[in-house]
Amino acid sequence: MTEPIIDPSVCAELSDAMGSDFAAELIETFLNDAPNMIADLKKAAAEGDADGYRRAAHSIKSNADTFGAVQLAAMARSMELGGLPDADAPIPALEATYAASAEALKGLMDE
């Protein structure tokens, strides 16, 4: 069975704890910041910076976990633990998963 792209219960818990307006603001901040985190990941990979790569993957994972983006978090966790890849193969897949996660999170915010 494939893991869902978003766990809506995590967003619901965030809304309950923080209020729906503030939760939506936090999600919007994540959606705006994630492309910069992915750019940092790409830069570290291109420069062979293993520590920078791990830190960028960790940031993506932590933020994705906070908002219930389970597939994105799992991919970033794998990248964090796996270290620098021989090629940039995992990065395009991560970008695609981020795009799908962003759409799903936007849909939850609109509900």
C-alpha atoms as a PDB file:
ATOM      1  CA  MET A   1       0.000   0.000   0.000  1.00  0.00           C
ATOM      2  CA  THR A   2       1.334   3.415  -0.916  1.00  0.00           C
ATOM      3  CA  GLU A   3       1.730   5.979   1.816  1.00  0.00           C
ATOM      4  CA  PRO A   4      -0.576   9.020   1.397  1.00  0.00           C
ATOM      5  CA  ILE A   5       1.105  12.237   0.258  1.00  0.00           C
ATOM      6  CA  ILE A   6      -0.321  14.125   3.273  1.00  0.00           C
ATOM      7  CA  ASP A   7      -1.601  12.918   6.627  1.00  0.00           C
ATOM      8  CA  PRO A   8      -4.541  15.294   7.131  1.00  0.00           C
ATOM      9  CA  SER A   9      -4.734  14.432  10.836  1.00  0.00           C
ATOM     10  CA  VAL A  10      -1.380  16.190  11.384  1.00  0.00           C
ATOM     11  CA  CYS A  11      -2.719  19.394   9.808  1.00  0.00           C
ATOM     12  CA  ALA A  12      -5.924  19.064  11.828  1.00  0.00           C
ATOM     13  CA  GLU A  13      -3.923  18.727  15.052  1.00  0.00           C
ATOM     14  CA  LEU A  14      -1.853  21.776  14.092  1.00  0.00           C
ATOM     15  CA  SER A  15      -5.025  23.772  13.412  1.00  0.00           C
ATOM     16  CA  ASP A  16      -6.549  22.664  16.702  1.00  0.00           C
ATOM     17  CA  ALA A  17      -3.423  23.579  18.649  1.00  0.00           C
ATOM     18  CA  MET A  18      -2.537  26.848  16.895  1.00  0.00           C
ATOM     19  CA  GLY A  19      -5.801  27.981  15.354  1.00  0.00           C
ATOM     20  CA  SER A  20      -6.630  27.566  11.706  1.00  0.00           C
ATOM     21  CA  ASP A  21      -5.394  31.011  10.602  1.00  0.00           C
ATOM     22  CA  PHE A  22      -1.994  30.624  12.247  1.00  0.00           C
ATOM     23  CA  ALA A  23      -1.665  27.030  11.002  1.00  0.00           C
ATOM     24  CA  ALA A  24      -2.408  28.235   7.460  1.00  0.00           C
ATOM     25  CA  GLU A  25       0.234  30.951   7.876  1.00  0.00           C
ATOM     26  CA  LEU A  26       2.792  28.358   9.021  1.00  0.00           C
ATOM     27  CA  ILE A  27       1.975  26.112   6.070  1.00  0.00           C
ATOM     28  CA  GLU A  28       2.298  29.058   3.683  1.00  0.00           C
ATOM     29  CA  THR A  29       5.707  29.888   5.174  1.00  0.00           C
ATOM     30  CA  PHE A  30       6.812  26.289   4.656  1.00  0.00           C
ATOM     31  CA  LEU A  31       5.577  26.326   1.065  1.00  0.00           C
ATOM     32  CA  ASN A  32       7.555  29.514   0.430  1.00  0.00           C
ATOM     33  CA  ASP A  33      10.719  28.311   2.218  1.00  0.00           C
ATOM     34  CA  ALA A  34      10.874  24.731   0.912  1.00  0.00           C
ATOM     35  CA  PRO A  35      12.138  25.716  -2.563  1.00  0.00           C
ATOM     36  CA  ASN A  36      15.079  27.458  -0.861  1.00  0.00           C
ATOM     37  CA  MET A  37      15.770  24.325   1.193  1.00  0.00           C
ATOM     38  CA  ILE A  38      15.706  22.253  -2.001  1.00  0.00           C
ATOM     39  CA  ALA A  39      18.064  24.759  -3.642  1.00  0.00           C
ATOM     40  CA  ASP A  40      20.424  24.359  -0.670  1.00  0.00           C
ATOM     41  CA  LEU A  41      20.243  20.576  -1.121  1.00  0.00           C
ATOM     42  CA  LYS A  42      21.077  20.883  -4.823  1.00  0.00           C
ATOM     43  CA  LYS A  43      23.951  23.266  -4.135  1.00  0.00           C
ATOM     44  CA  ALA A  44      25.439  20.981  -1.485  1.00  0.00           C
ATOM     45  CA  ALA A  45      25.151  17.993  -3.827  1.00  0.00           C
ATOM     46  CA  ALA A  46      26.809  19.908  -6.673  1.00  0.00           C
ATOM     47  CA  GLU A  47      29.641  21.043  -4.404  1.00  0.00           C
ATOM     48  CA  GLY A  48      30.140  17.641  -2.775  1.00  0.00           C
ATOM     49  CA  ASP A  49      29.273  19.157   0.617  1.00  0.00           C
ATOM     50  CA  ALA A  50      28.104  16.101   2.569  1.00  0.00           C
ATOM     51  CA  ASP A  51      27.361  18.032   5.770  1.00  0.00           C
ATOM     52  CA  GLY A  52      25.421  20.730   3.910  1.00  0.00           C
ATOM     53  CA  TYR A  53      23.496  18.019   2.055  1.00  0.00           C
ATOM     54  CA  ARG A  54      22.613  16.267   5.309  1.00  0.00           C
ATOM     55  CA  ARG A  55      21.541  19.547   6.956  1.00  0.00           C
ATOM     56  CA  ALA A  56      19.359  20.570   4.016  1.00  0.00           C
ATOM     57  CA  ALA A  57      17.730  17.128   3.872  1.00  0.00           C
ATOM     58  CA  HIS A  58      17.178  17.266   7.644  1.00  0.00           C
ATOM     59  CA  SER A  59      15.485  20.684   7.365  1.00  0.00           C
ATOM     60  CA  ILE A  60      13.174  19.447   4.640  1.00  0.00           C
ATOM     61  CA  LYS A  61      12.372  16.297   6.645  1.00  0.00           C
ATOM     62  CA  SER A  62      11.634  18.186   9.850  1.00  0.00           C
ATOM     63  CA  ASN A  63       9.387  20.730   8.173  1.00  0.00           C
ATOM     64  CA  ALA A  64       7.573  18.091   6.143  1.00  0.00           C
ATOM     65  CA  ASP A  65       6.937  16.069   9.322  1.00  0.00           C
ATOM     66  CA  THR A  66       5.483  19.139  11.031  1.00  0.00           C
ATOM     67  CA  PHE A  67       2.837  19.535   8.328  1.00  0.00           C
ATOM     68  CA  GLY A  68       2.105  15.869   7.712  1.00  0.00           C
ATOM     69  CA  ALA A  69       3.812  15.683   4.304  1.00  0.00           C
ATOM     70  CA  VAL A  70       4.663  12.056   4.948  1.00  0.00           C
ATOM     71  CA  GLN A  71       6.082  11.081   1.555  1.00  0.00           C
ATOM     72  CA  LEU A  72       8.263  14.187   1.384  1.00  0.00           C
ATOM     73  CA  ALA A  73       9.494  13.586   4.936  1.00  0.00           C
ATOM     74  CA  ALA A  74      10.315   9.947   4.162  1.00  0.00           C
ATOM     75  CA  MET A  75      12.272  10.877   1.032  1.00  0.00           C
ATOM     76  CA  ALA A  76      14.196  13.615   2.838  1.00  0.00           C
ATOM     77  CA  ARG A  77      14.925  11.258   5.754  1.00  0.00           C
ATOM     78  CA  SER A  78      16.335   8.710   3.329  1.00  0.00           C
ATOM     79  CA  MET A  79      18.498  11.401   1.723  1.00  0.00           C
ATOM     80  CA  GLU A  80      19.657  12.659   5.122  1.00  0.00           C
ATOM     81  CA  LEU A  81      20.698   9.193   6.256  1.00  0.00           C
ATOM     82  CA  GLY A  82      22.023   8.077   2.879  1.00  0.00           C
ATOM     83  CA  GLY A  83      24.491  10.893   2.421  1.00  0.00           C
ATOM     84  CA  LEU A  84      25.654  12.405  -0.831  1.00  0.00           C
ATOM     85  CA  PRO A  85      24.418  10.493  -3.874  1.00  0.00           C
ATOM     86  CA  ASP A  86      26.681   9.564  -6.763  1.00  0.00           C
ATOM     87  CA  ALA A  87      24.354  11.573  -9.012  1.00  0.00           C
ATOM     88  CA  ASP A  88      21.468  13.963  -8.396  1.00  0.00           C
ATOM     89  CA  ALA A  89      18.906  11.187  -9.021  1.00  0.00           C
ATOM     90  CA  PRO A  90      17.003  11.588  -5.723  1.00  0.00           C
ATOM     91  CA  ILE A  91      16.652  15.373  -6.027  1.00  0.00           C
ATOM     92  CA  PRO A  92      14.234  15.509  -8.997  1.00  0.00           C
ATOM     93  CA  ALA A  93      12.058  12.899  -7.279  1.00  0.00           C
ATOM     94  CA  LEU A  94      12.109  14.986  -4.103  1.00  0.00           C
ATOM     95  CA  GLU A  95      11.127  18.081  -6.093  1.00  0.00           C
ATOM     96  CA  ALA A  96       8.194  16.228  -7.665  1.00  0.00           C
ATOM     97  CA  THR A  97       7.069  14.977  -4.268  1.00  0.00           C
ATOM     98  CA  TYR A  98       7.357  18.496  -2.854  1.00  0.00           C
ATOM     99  CA  ALA A  99       5.182  19.829  -5.708  1.00  0.00           C
ATOM    100  CA  ALA A 100       2.516  17.180  -5.023  1.00  0.00           C
ATOM    101  CA  SER A 101       2.739  17.844  -1.278  1.00  0.00           C
ATOM    102  CA  ALA A 102       2.388  21.594  -1.811  1.00  0.00           C
ATOM    103  CA  GLU A 103      -0.761  21.099  -3.891  1.00  0.00           C
ATOM    104  CA  ALA A 104      -2.232  18.777  -1.267  1.00  0.00           C
ATOM    105  CA  LEU A 105      -1.422  21.195   1.569  1.00  0.00           C
ATOM    106  CA  LYS A 106      -2.953  24.092  -0.371  1.00  0.00           C
ATOM    107  CA  GLY A 107      -6.064  21.982  -0.851  1.00  0.00           C
ATOM    108  CA  LEU A 108      -6.272  21.345   2.889  1.00  0.00           C
ATOM    109  CA  MET A 109      -5.891  25.059   3.607  1.00  0.00           C
ATOM    110  CA  ASP A 110      -8.786  25.805   1.244  1.00  0.00           C
ATOM    111  CA  GLU A 111     -11.147  23.416   3.040  1.00  0.00           C
END
